[in-house]
All heavy atoms as atom14 arrays in JSON, in Angstrom:
{
  "sequence": "VEFVKRGGAGRGSVLLVGTGDSPGTLSFYKKCGFAPSHVVKDFFT",
  "atom14_mask": [
    [1, 1, 1, 1, 1, 1, 1, 0, 0, 0, 0, 0, 0, 0],
    [1, 1, 1, 1, 1, 1, 1, 1, 1, 0, 0, 0, 0, 0],
    [1, 1, 1, 1, 1, 1, 1, 1, 1, 1, 1, 0, 0, 0],
    [1, 1, 1, 1, 1, 1, 1, 0, 0, 0, 0, 0, 0, 0],
    [1, 1, 1, 1, 1, 1, 1, 1, 1, 0, 0, 0, 0, 0],
    [1, 1, 1, 1, 1, 1, 1, 1, 1, 1, 1, 0, 0, 0],
    [1, 1, 1, 1, 0, 0, 0, 0, 0, 0, 0, 0, 0, 0],
    [1, 1, 1, 1, 0, 0, 0, 0, 0, 0, 0, 0, 0, 0],
    [1, 1, 1, 1, 1, 0, 0, 0, 0, 0, 0, 0, 0, 0],
    [1, 1, 1, 1, 0, 0, 0, 0, 0, 0, 0, 0, 0, 0],
    [1, 1, 1, 1, 1, 1, 1, 1, 1, 1, 1, 0, 0, 0],
    [1, 1, 1, 1, 0, 0, 0, 0, 0, 0, 0, 0, 0, 0],
    [1, 1, 1, 1, 1, 1, 0, 0, 0, 0, 0, 0, 0, 0],
    [1, 1, 1, 1, 1, 1, 1, 0, 0, 0, 0, 0, 0, 0],
    [1, 1, 1, 1, 1, 1, 1, 1, 0, 0, 0, 0, 0, 0],
    [1, 1, 1, 1, 1, 1, 1, 1, 0, 0, 0, 0, 0, 0],
    [1, 1, 1, 1, 1, 1, 1, 0, 0, 0, 0, 0, 0, 0],
    [1, 1, 1, 1, 0, 0, 0, 0, 0, 0, 0, 0, 0, 0],
    [1, 1, 1, 1, 1, 1, 1, 0, 0, 0, 0, 0, 0, 0],
    [1, 1, 1, 1, 0, 0, 0, 0, 0, 0, 0, 0, 0, 0],
    [1, 1, 1, 1, 1, 1, 1, 1, 0, 0, 0, 0, 0, 0],
    [1, 1, 1, 1, 1, 1, 0, 0, 0, 0, 0, 0, 0, 0],
    [1, 1, 1, 1, 1, 1, 1, 0, 0, 0, 0, 0, 0, 0],
    [1, 1, 1, 1, 0, 0, 0, 0, 0, 0, 0, 0, 0, 0],
    [1, 1, 1, 1, 1, 1, 1, 0, 0, 0, 0, 0, 0, 0],
    [1, 1, 1, 1, 1, 1, 1, 1, 0, 0, 0, 0, 0, 0],
    [1, 1, 1, 1, 1, 1, 0, 0, 0, 0, 0, 0, 0, 0],
    [1, 1, 1, 1, 1, 1, 1, 1, 1, 1, 1, 0, 0, 0],
    [1, 1, 1, 1, 1, 1, 1, 1, 1, 1, 1, 1, 0, 0],
    [1, 1, 1, 1, 1, 1, 1, 1, 1, 0, 0, 0, 0, 0],
    [1, 1, 1, 1, 1, 1, 1, 1, 1, 0, 0, 0, 0, 0],
    [1, 1, 1, 1, 1, 1, 0, 0, 0, 0, 0, 0, 0, 0],
    [1, 1, 1, 1, 0, 0, 0, 0, 0, 0, 0, 0, 0, 0],
    [1, 1, 1, 1, 1, 1, 1, 1, 1, 1, 1, 0, 0, 0],
    [1, 1, 1, 1, 1, 0, 0, 0, 0, 0, 0, 0, 0, 0],
    [1, 1, 1, 1, 1, 1, 1, 0, 0, 0, 0, 0, 0, 0],
    [1, 1, 1, 1, 1, 1, 0, 0, 0, 0, 0, 0, 0, 0],
    [1, 1, 1, 1, 1, 1, 1, 1, 1, 1, 0, 0, 0, 0],
    [1, 1, 1, 1, 1, 1, 1, 0, 0, 0, 0, 0, 0, 0],
    [1, 1, 1, 1, 1, 1, 1, 0, 0, 0, 0, 0, 0, 0],
    [1, 1, 1, 1, 1, 1, 1, 1, 1, 0, 0, 0, 0, 0],
    [1, 1, 1, 1, 1, 1, 1, 1, 0, 0, 0, 0, 0, 0],
    [1, 1, 1, 1, 1, 1, 1, 1, 1, 1, 1, 0, 0, 0],
    [1, 1, 1, 1, 1, 1, 1, 1, 1, 1, 1, 0, 0, 0],
    [1, 1, 1, 1, 1, 1, 1, 0, 0, 0, 0, 0, 0, 0]
  ],
  "atom14_positions": [
    [[169.28, -101.34, -225.05], [169.79, -101.79, -226.35], [170.72, -102.99, -226.16], [170.63, -103.98, -226.9], [170.5, -100.65, -227.1], [171.24, -101.18, -228.33], [169.51, -99.56, -227.51], [0.0, 0.0, 0.0], [0.0, 0.0, 0.0], [0.0, 0.0, 0.0], [0.0, 0.0, 0.0], [0.0, 0.0, 0.0], [0.0, 0.0, 0.0], [0.0, 0.0, 0.0]],
    [[171.6, -102.93, -225.19], [172.52, -104.04, -224.92], [171.76, -105.31, -224.56], [172.13, -106.41, -224.97], [173.52, -103.68, -223.81], [174.59, -102.72, -224.25], [175.49, -103.27, -225.34], [175.85, -104.46, -225.28], [175.83, -102.51, -226.27], [0.0, 0.0, 0.0], [0.0, 0.0, 0.0], [0.0, 0.0, 0.0], [0.0, 0.0, 0.0], [0.0, 0.0, 0.0]],
    [[170.7, -105.18, -223.79], [169.86, -106.32, -223.41], [169.3, -106.99, -224.67], [169.37, -108.21, -224.82], [168.73, -105.86, -222.49], [167.72, -106.92, -222.19], [167.96, -107.88, -221.22], [166.51, -106.96, -222.88], [167.02, -108.86, -220.94], [165.57, -107.94, -222.62], [165.82, -108.89, -221.64], [0.0, 0.0, 0.0], [0.0, 0.0, 0.0], [0.0, 0.0, 0.0]],
    [[168.75, -106.19, -225.55], [168.18, -106.72, -226.79], [169.29, -107.33, -227.65], [169.14, -108.43, -228.19], [167.41, -105.63, -227.56], [166.95, -106.12, -228.92], [166.23, -105.13, -226.73], [0.0, 0.0, 0.0], [0.0, 0.0, 0.0], [0.0, 0.0, 0.0], [0.0, 0.0, 0.0], [0.0, 0.0, 0.0], [0.0, 0.0, 0.0], [0.0, 0.0, 0.0]],
    [[170.4, -106.64, -227.74], [171.54, -107.09, -228.54], [172.07, -108.45, -228.07], [172.43, -109.3, -228.87], [172.64, -106.03, -228.45], [173.85, -106.27, -229.27], [174.76, -105.05, -229.12], [176.18, -105.32, -229.47], [177.02, -104.14, -229.29], [0.0, 0.0, 0.0], [0.0, 0.0, 0.0], [0.0, 0.0, 0.0], [0.0, 0.0, 0.0], [0.0, 0.0, 0.0]],
    [[172.09, -108.65, -226.76], [172.59, -109.91, -226.2], [171.6, -111.06, -226.33], [171.87, -112.15, -225.87], [172.93, -109.72, -224.72], [174.19, -108.94, -224.46], [174.62, -109.03, -222.99], [173.52, -108.96, -222.05], [173.06, -107.84, -221.48], [173.6, -106.68, -221.77], [172.05, -107.89, -220.64], [0.0, 0.0, 0.0], [0.0, 0.0, 0.0], [0.0, 0.0, 0.0]],
    [[170.45, -110.79, -226.91], [169.49, -111.87, -227.11], [168.37, -111.89, -226.11], [167.58, -112.83, -226.08], [0.0, 0.0, 0.0], [0.0, 0.0, 0.0], [0.0, 0.0, 0.0], [0.0, 0.0, 0.0], [0.0, 0.0, 0.0], [0.0, 0.0, 0.0], [0.0, 0.0, 0.0], [0.0, 0.0, 0.0], [0.0, 0.0, 0.0], [0.0, 0.0, 0.0]],
    [[168.26, -110.86, -225.3], [167.2, -110.83, -224.31], [165.81, -110.82, -224.91], [164.85, -111.2, -224.25], [0.0, 0.0, 0.0], [0.0, 0.0, 0.0], [0.0, 0.0, 0.0], [0.0, 0.0, 0.0], [0.0, 0.0, 0.0], [0.0, 0.0, 0.0], [0.0, 0.0, 0.0], [0.0, 0.0, 0.0], [0.0, 0.0, 0.0], [0.0, 0.0, 0.0]],
    [[165.68, -110.41, -226.14], [164.37, -110.36, -226.79], [164.13, -111.57, -227.69], [163.13, -111.64, -228.37], [164.25, -109.08, -227.61], [0.0, 0.0, 0.0], [0.0, 0.0, 0.0], [0.0, 0.0, 0.0], [0.0, 0.0, 0.0], [0.0, 0.0, 0.0], [0.0, 0.0, 0.0], [0.0, 0.0, 0.0], [0.0, 0.0, 0.0], [0.0, 0.0, 0.0]],
    [[165.02, -112.53, -227.67], [164.87, -113.71, -228.51], [165.92, -113.76, -229.6], [166.72, -112.86, -229.75], [0.0, 0.0, 0.0], [0.0, 0.0, 0.0], [0.0, 0.0, 0.0], [0.0, 0.0, 0.0], [0.0, 0.0, 0.0], [0.0, 0.0, 0.0], [0.0, 0.0, 0.0], [0.0, 0.0, 0.0], [0.0, 0.0, 0.0], [0.0, 0.0, 0.0]],
    [[165.89, -114.83, -230.34], [166.87, -115.04, -231.39], [166.62, -114.15, -232.6], [165.49, -113.9, -232.97], [166.85, -116.49, -231.84], [167.37, -117.44, -230.8], [167.54, -118.83, -231.43], [168.03, -119.75, -230.43], [169.31, -119.93, -230.14], [170.22, -119.25, -230.78], [169.68, -120.79, -229.24], [0.0, 0.0, 0.0], [0.0, 0.0, 0.0], [0.0, 0.0, 0.0]],
    [[167.7, -113.74, -233.18], [167.63, -112.95, -234.41], [169.03, -112.77, -234.95], [170.01, -112.92, -234.23], [0.0, 0.0, 0.0], [0.0, 0.0, 0.0], [0.0, 0.0, 0.0], [0.0, 0.0, 0.0], [0.0, 0.0, 0.0], [0.0, 0.0, 0.0], [0.0, 0.0, 0.0], [0.0, 0.0, 0.0], [0.0, 0.0, 0.0], [0.0, 0.0, 0.0]],
    [[169.12, -112.44, -236.23], [170.43, -112.21, -236.83], [170.66, -110.73, -237.14], [171.79, -110.29, -237.29], [170.59, -113.04, -238.11], [169.55, -112.73, -239.02], [0.0, 0.0, 0.0], [0.0, 0.0, 0.0], [0.0, 0.0, 0.0], [0.0, 0.0, 0.0], [0.0, 0.0, 0.0], [0.0, 0.0, 0.0], [0.0, 0.0, 0.0], [0.0, 0.0, 0.0]],
    [[169.56, -109.96, -237.21], [169.65, -108.54, -237.5], [168.7, -107.8, -236.56], [167.57, -108.24, -236.33], [169.26, -108.23, -238.96], [169.2, -106.74, -239.22], [170.23, -108.89, -239.92], [0.0, 0.0, 0.0], [0.0, 0.0, 0.0], [0.0, 0.0, 0.0], [0.0, 0.0, 0.0], [0.0, 0.0, 0.0], [0.0, 0.0, 0.0], [0.0, 0.0, 0.0]],
    [[169.16, -106.67, -236.05], [168.32, -105.8, -235.24], [168.18, -104.48, -235.98], [169.18, -103.85, -236.31], [168.93, -105.58, -233.86], [168.19, -104.64, -232.91], [166.77, -105.15, -232.63], [168.97, -104.46, -231.62], [0.0, 0.0, 0.0], [0.0, 0.0, 0.0], [0.0, 0.0, 0.0], [0.0, 0.0, 0.0], [0.0, 0.0, 0.0], [0.0, 0.0, 0.0]],
    [[166.95, -104.08, -236.27], [166.65, -102.82, -236.94], [166.08, -101.83, -235.93], [165.43, -102.23, -234.96], [165.58, -103.01, -238.01], [165.95, -103.7, -239.32], [164.71, -103.84, -240.19], [167.02, -102.92, -240.06], [0.0, 0.0, 0.0], [0.0, 0.0, 0.0], [0.0, 0.0, 0.0], [0.0, 0.0, 0.0], [0.0, 0.0, 0.0], [0.0, 0.0, 0.0]],
    [[166.29, -100.57, -236.2], [165.62, -99.5, -235.46], [165.32, -98.4, -236.47], [166.14, -98.07, -237.31], [166.45, -98.99, -234.27], [167.75, -98.33, -234.71], [165.64, -98.03, -233.4], [0.0, 0.0, 0.0], [0.0, 0.0, 0.0], [0.0, 0.0, 0.0], [0.0, 0.0, 0.0], [0.0, 0.0, 0.0], [0.0, 0.0, 0.0], [0.0, 0.0, 0.0]],
    [[164.1, -97.86, -236.38], [163.71, -96.75, -237.24], [163.52, -95.51, -236.4], [162.95, -95.57, -235.31], [0.0, 0.0, 0.0], [0.0, 0.0, 0.0], [0.0, 0.0, 0.0], [0.0, 0.0, 0.0], [0.0, 0.0, 0.0], [0.0, 0.0, 0.0], [0.0, 0.0, 0.0], [0.0, 0.0, 0.0], [0.0, 0.0, 0.0], [0.0, 0.0, 0.0]],
    [[163.99, -94.39, -236.89], [163.9, -93.15, -236.15], [163.83, -91.98, -237.12], [164.03, -92.14, -238.32], [165.1, -93.01, -235.17], [164.87, -91.89, -234.31], [166.41, -92.86, -235.91], [0.0, 0.0, 0.0], [0.0, 0.0, 0.0], [0.0, 0.0, 0.0], [0.0, 0.0, 0.0], [0.0, 0.0, 0.0], [0.0, 0.0, 0.0], [0.0, 0.0, 0.0]],
    [[163.57, -90.83, -236.58], [163.55, -89.62, -237.41], [164.94, -89.1, -237.66], [165.93, -89.57, -237.06], [0.0, 0.0, 0.0], [0.0, 0.0, 0.0], [0.0, 0.0, 0.0], [0.0, 0.0, 0.0], [0.0, 0.0, 0.0], [0.0, 0.0, 0.0], [0.0, 0.0, 0.0], [0.0, 0.0, 0.0], [0.0, 0.0, 0.0], [0.0, 0.0, 0.0]],
    [[165.03, -88.13, -238.53], [166.32, -87.51, -238.88], [166.7, -86.49, -237.81], [166.72, -85.29, -238.05], [166.22, -86.86, -240.26], [167.56, -86.36, -240.75], [168.59, -86.73, -240.16], [167.57, -85.57, -241.72], [0.0, 0.0, 0.0], [0.0, 0.0, 0.0], [0.0, 0.0, 0.0], [0.0, 0.0, 0.0], [0.0, 0.0, 0.0], [0.0, 0.0, 0.0]],
    [[166.99, -87.01, -236.64], [167.32, -86.18, -235.48], [168.77, -86.48, -235.08], [169.09, -87.61, -234.72], [166.36, -86.53, -234.35], [166.77, -85.98, -233.15], [0.0, 0.0, 0.0], [0.0, 0.0, 0.0], [0.0, 0.0, 0.0], [0.0, 0.0, 0.0], [0.0, 0.0, 0.0], [0.0, 0.0, 0.0], [0.0, 0.0, 0.0], [0.0, 0.0, 0.0]],
    [[169.65, -85.48, -235.17], [171.07, -85.73, -234.93], [171.38, -86.43, -233.6], [172.18, -87.35, -233.55], [171.7, -84.35, -234.99], [170.79, -83.55, -235.86], [169.41, -84.07, -235.57], [0.0, 0.0, 0.0], [0.0, 0.0, 0.0], [0.0, 0.0, 0.0], [0.0, 0.0, 0.0], [0.0, 0.0, 0.0], [0.0, 0.0, 0.0], [0.0, 0.0, 0.0]],
    [[170.73, -86.01, -232.53], [171.0, -86.61, -231.23], [170.61, -88.07, -231.16], [171.35, -88.91, -230.64], [0.0, 0.0, 0.0], [0.0, 0.0, 0.0], [0.0, 0.0, 0.0], [0.0, 0.0, 0.0], [0.0, 0.0, 0.0], [0.0, 0.0, 0.0], [0.0, 0.0, 0.0], [0.0, 0.0, 0.0], [0.0, 0.0, 0.0], [0.0, 0.0, 0.0]],
    [[169.44, -88.38, -231.7], [168.97, -89.77, -231.69], [169.81, -90.64, -232.6], [170.2, -91.75, -232.23], [167.48, -89.82, -232.1], [166.74, -88.96, -231.24], [166.93, -91.23, -231.99], [0.0, 0.0, 0.0], [0.0, 0.0, 0.0], [0.0, 0.0, 0.0], [0.0, 0.0, 0.0], [0.0, 0.0, 0.0], [0.0, 0.0, 0.0], [0.0, 0.0, 0.0]],
    [[170.11, -90.15, -233.8], [170.95, -90.93, -234.72], [172.33, -91.18, -234.11], [172.86, -92.29, -234.21], [171.07, -90.2, -236.06], [169.8, -90.17, -236.91], [169.97, -89.22, -238.09], [169.42, -91.57, -237.37], [0.0, 0.0, 0.0], [0.0, 0.0, 0.0], [0.0, 0.0, 0.0], [0.0, 0.0, 0.0], [0.0, 0.0, 0.0], [0.0, 0.0, 0.0]],
    [[172.89, -90.19, -233.46], [174.2, -90.34, -232.81], [174.14, -91.39, -231.71], [175.05, -92.22, -231.59], [174.64, -88.99, -232.23], [175.82, -89.14, -231.48], [0.0, 0.0, 0.0], [0.0, 0.0, 0.0], [0.0, 0.0, 0.0], [0.0, 0.0, 0.0], [0.0, 0.0, 0.0], [0.0, 0.0, 0.0], [0.0, 0.0, 0.0], [0.0, 0.0, 0.0]],
    [[173.08, -91.38, -230.92], [172.9, -92.39, -229.86], [172.93, -93.8, -230.44], [173.67, -94.66, -229.98], [171.6, -92.15, -229.09], [171.2, -93.32, -228.23], [171.84, -93.54, -227.02], [170.22, -94.2, -228.65], [171.49, -94.63, -226.23], [169.86, -95.29, -227.87], [170.5, -95.52, -226.65], [0.0, 0.0, 0.0], [0.0, 0.0, 0.0], [0.0, 0.0, 0.0]],
    [[172.13, -94.03, -231.47], [172.05, -95.38, -232.04], [173.38, -95.79, -232.7], [173.79, -96.94, -232.59], [170.89, -95.5, -233.02], [169.56, -95.6, -232.31], [168.57, -94.65, -232.51], [169.3, -96.64, -231.42], [167.35, -94.74, -231.84], [168.09, -96.74, -230.75], [167.12, -95.79, -230.96], [165.93, -95.87, -230.31], [0.0, 0.0, 0.0], [0.0, 0.0, 0.0]],
    [[174.05, -94.85, -233.33], [175.35, -95.18, -233.93], [176.37, -95.53, -232.85], [177.14, -96.47, -233.01], [175.83, -94.02, -234.81], [175.04, -93.92, -236.1], [175.45, -92.73, -236.93], [174.59, -92.65, -238.19], [174.9, -91.45, -238.99], [0.0, 0.0, 0.0], [0.0, 0.0, 0.0], [0.0, 0.0, 0.0], [0.0, 0.0, 0.0], [0.0, 0.0, 0.0]],
    [[176.34, -94.83, -231.72], [177.24, -95.16, -230.6], [176.91, -96.53, -230.01], [177.79, -97.18, -229.43], [177.15, -94.09, -229.51], [177.82, -92.8, -229.9], [177.65, -91.75, -228.8], [178.23, -90.42, -229.24], [177.97, -89.36, -228.26], [0.0, 0.0, 0.0], [0.0, 0.0, 0.0], [0.0, 0.0, 0.0], [0.0, 0.0, 0.0], [0.0, 0.0, 0.0]],
    [[175.67, -96.98, -230.17], [175.27, -98.31, -229.69], [175.67, -99.41, -230.66], [175.49, -100.59, -230.36], [173.76, -98.35, -229.45], [173.22, -97.45, -227.99], [0.0, 0.0, 0.0], [0.0, 0.0, 0.0], [0.0, 0.0, 0.0], [0.0, 0.0, 0.0], [0.0, 0.0, 0.0], [0.0, 0.0, 0.0], [0.0, 0.0, 0.0], [0.0, 0.0, 0.0]],
    [[176.17, -99.04, -231.84], [176.62, -100.04, -232.8], [175.77, -100.21, -234.04], [176.03, -101.09, -234.86], [0.0, 0.0, 0.0], [0.0, 0.0, 0.0], [0.0, 0.0, 0.0], [0.0, 0.0, 0.0], [0.0, 0.0, 0.0], [0.0, 0.0, 0.0], [0.0, 0.0, 0.0], [0.0, 0.0, 0.0], [0.0, 0.0, 0.0], [0.0, 0.0, 0.0]],
    [[174.77, -99.37, -234.21], [173.93, -99.45, -235.4], [174.6, -98.71, -236.55], [175.32, -97.74, -236.34], [172.56, -98.8, -235.14], [171.64, -99.61, -234.27], [171.66, -99.45, -232.89], [170.75, -100.52, -234.82], [170.81, -100.19, -232.08], [169.9, -101.26, -234.02], [169.93, -101.09, -232.64], [0.0, 0.0, 0.0], [0.0, 0.0, 0.0], [0.0, 0.0, 0.0]],
    [[174.3, -99.16, -237.78], [174.81, -98.52, -239.0], [173.61, -98.21, -239.9], [172.59, -98.9, -239.84], [175.78, -99.46, -239.72], [0.0, 0.0, 0.0], [0.0, 0.0, 0.0], [0.0, 0.0, 0.0], [0.0, 0.0, 0.0], [0.0, 0.0, 0.0], [0.0, 0.0, 0.0], [0.0, 0.0, 0.0], [0.0, 0.0, 0.0], [0.0, 0.0, 0.0]],
    [[173.74, -97.2, -240.76], [172.62, -96.87, -241.66], [172.19, -98.06, -242.5], [173.01, -98.86, -242.94], [173.21, -95.76, -242.54], [174.3, -95.16, -241.72], [174.88, -96.3, -240.93], [0.0, 0.0, 0.0], [0.0, 0.0, 0.0], [0.0, 0.0, 0.0], [0.0, 0.0, 0.0], [0.0, 0.0, 0.0], [0.0, 0.0, 0.0], [0.0, 0.0, 0.0]],
    [[170.89, -98.17, -242.72], [170.33, -99.26, -243.51], [169.55, -98.73, -244.71], [169.96, -98.89, -245.84], [169.43, -100.14, -242.64], [168.79, -101.13, -243.42], [0.0, 0.0, 0.0], [0.0, 0.0, 0.0], [0.0, 0.0, 0.0], [0.0, 0.0, 0.0], [0.0, 0.0, 0.0], [0.0, 0.0, 0.0], [0.0, 0.0, 0.0], [0.0, 0.0, 0.0]],
    [[168.41, -98.1, -244.45], [167.58, -97.58, -245.53], [166.66, -96.48, -245.0], [166.6, -96.25, -243.8], [166.77, -98.7, -246.19], [165.82, -99.41, -245.26], [166.22, -100.35, -244.33], [164.48, -99.3, -245.11], [165.17, -100.79, -243.66], [164.1, -100.16, -244.11], [0.0, 0.0, 0.0], [0.0, 0.0, 0.0], [0.0, 0.0, 0.0], [0.0, 0.0, 0.0]],
    [[165.94, -95.83, -245.91], [165.06, -94.72, -245.57], [163.67, -95.01, -246.12], [163.53, -95.48, -247.25], [165.6, -93.4, -246.16], [164.63, -92.25, -245.93], [166.97, -93.07, -245.58], [0.0, 0.0, 0.0], [0.0, 0.0, 0.0], [0.0, 0.0, 0.0], [0.0, 0.0, 0.0], [0.0, 0.0, 0.0], [0.0, 0.0, 0.0], [0.0, 0.0, 0.0]],
    [[162.64, -94.71, -245.31], [161.26, -94.76, -245.79], [160.8, -93.3, -245.9], [160.6, -92.62, -244.9], [160.35, -95.56, -244.83], [158.91, -95.52, -245.31], [160.84, -97.01, -244.72], [0.0, 0.0, 0.0], [0.0, 0.0, 0.0], [0.0, 0.0, 0.0], [0.0, 0.0, 0.0], [0.0, 0.0, 0.0], [0.0, 0.0, 0.0], [0.0, 0.0, 0.0]],
    [[160.68, -92.85, -247.15], [160.33, -91.45, -247.42], [158.94, -91.11, -246.88], [158.01, -91.92, -246.98], [160.36, -91.18, -248.93], [161.74, -91.19, -249.52], [162.45, -89.94, -249.12], [163.69, -89.73, -249.93], [164.48, -88.65, -249.4], [0.0, 0.0, 0.0], [0.0, 0.0, 0.0], [0.0, 0.0, 0.0], [0.0, 0.0, 0.0], [0.0, 0.0, 0.0]],
    [[158.82, -89.92, -246.32], [157.55, -89.35, -245.87], [156.79, -90.2, -244.85], [155.57, -90.08, -244.72], [156.64, -89.04, -247.07], [157.28, -88.06, -248.02], [157.89, -87.08, -247.53], [157.2, -88.27, -249.24], [0.0, 0.0, 0.0], [0.0, 0.0, 0.0], [0.0, 0.0, 0.0], [0.0, 0.0, 0.0], [0.0, 0.0, 0.0], [0.0, 0.0, 0.0]],
    [[157.5, -91.03, -244.11], [156.84, -91.89, -243.12], [156.1, -91.06, -242.07], [154.93, -91.29, -241.79], [157.86, -92.8, -242.42], [157.24, -93.68, -241.36], [156.67, -94.89, -241.7], [157.21, -93.28, -240.03], [156.09, -95.69, -240.74], [156.64, -94.07, -239.05], [156.07, -95.29, -239.41], [0.0, 0.0, 0.0], [0.0, 0.0, 0.0], [0.0, 0.0, 0.0]],
    [[156.78, -90.1, -241.48], [156.17, -89.32, -240.39], [155.06, -88.4, -240.9], [154.05, -88.23, -240.23], [157.23, -88.52, -239.64], [158.15, -89.39, -238.84], [159.4, -89.73, -239.32], [157.76, -89.91, -237.62], [160.25, -90.55, -238.59], [158.6, -90.74, -236.88], [159.85, -91.06, -237.37], [0.0, 0.0, 0.0], [0.0, 0.0, 0.0], [0.0, 0.0, 0.0]],
    [[155.23, -87.84, -242.08], [154.21, -86.94, -242.62], [153.01, -87.71, -243.14], [151.91, -87.18, -243.18], [154.78, -86.03, -243.72], [155.41, -86.84, -244.72], [155.79, -85.05, -243.14], [0.0, 0.0, 0.0], [0.0, 0.0, 0.0], [0.0, 0.0, 0.0], [0.0, 0.0, 0.0], [0.0, 0.0, 0.0], [0.0, 0.0, 0.0], [0.0, 0.0, 0.0]]
  ]
}
C-alpha cells in the first residue's frame, strides 16, 4: 500500500480500494490511511 501511495503505480490524486464488510480488512485499510467513500450494494451477491 505504501508503495502505491508513494506513486509507485503512477500518478494519481485519489487511491480507491473496494472490499467486503469484513472488520479485519476494513481495519487494515483504515490503519493504512484510507477513509470511507461509498458502497456498491449487492456487489458480491
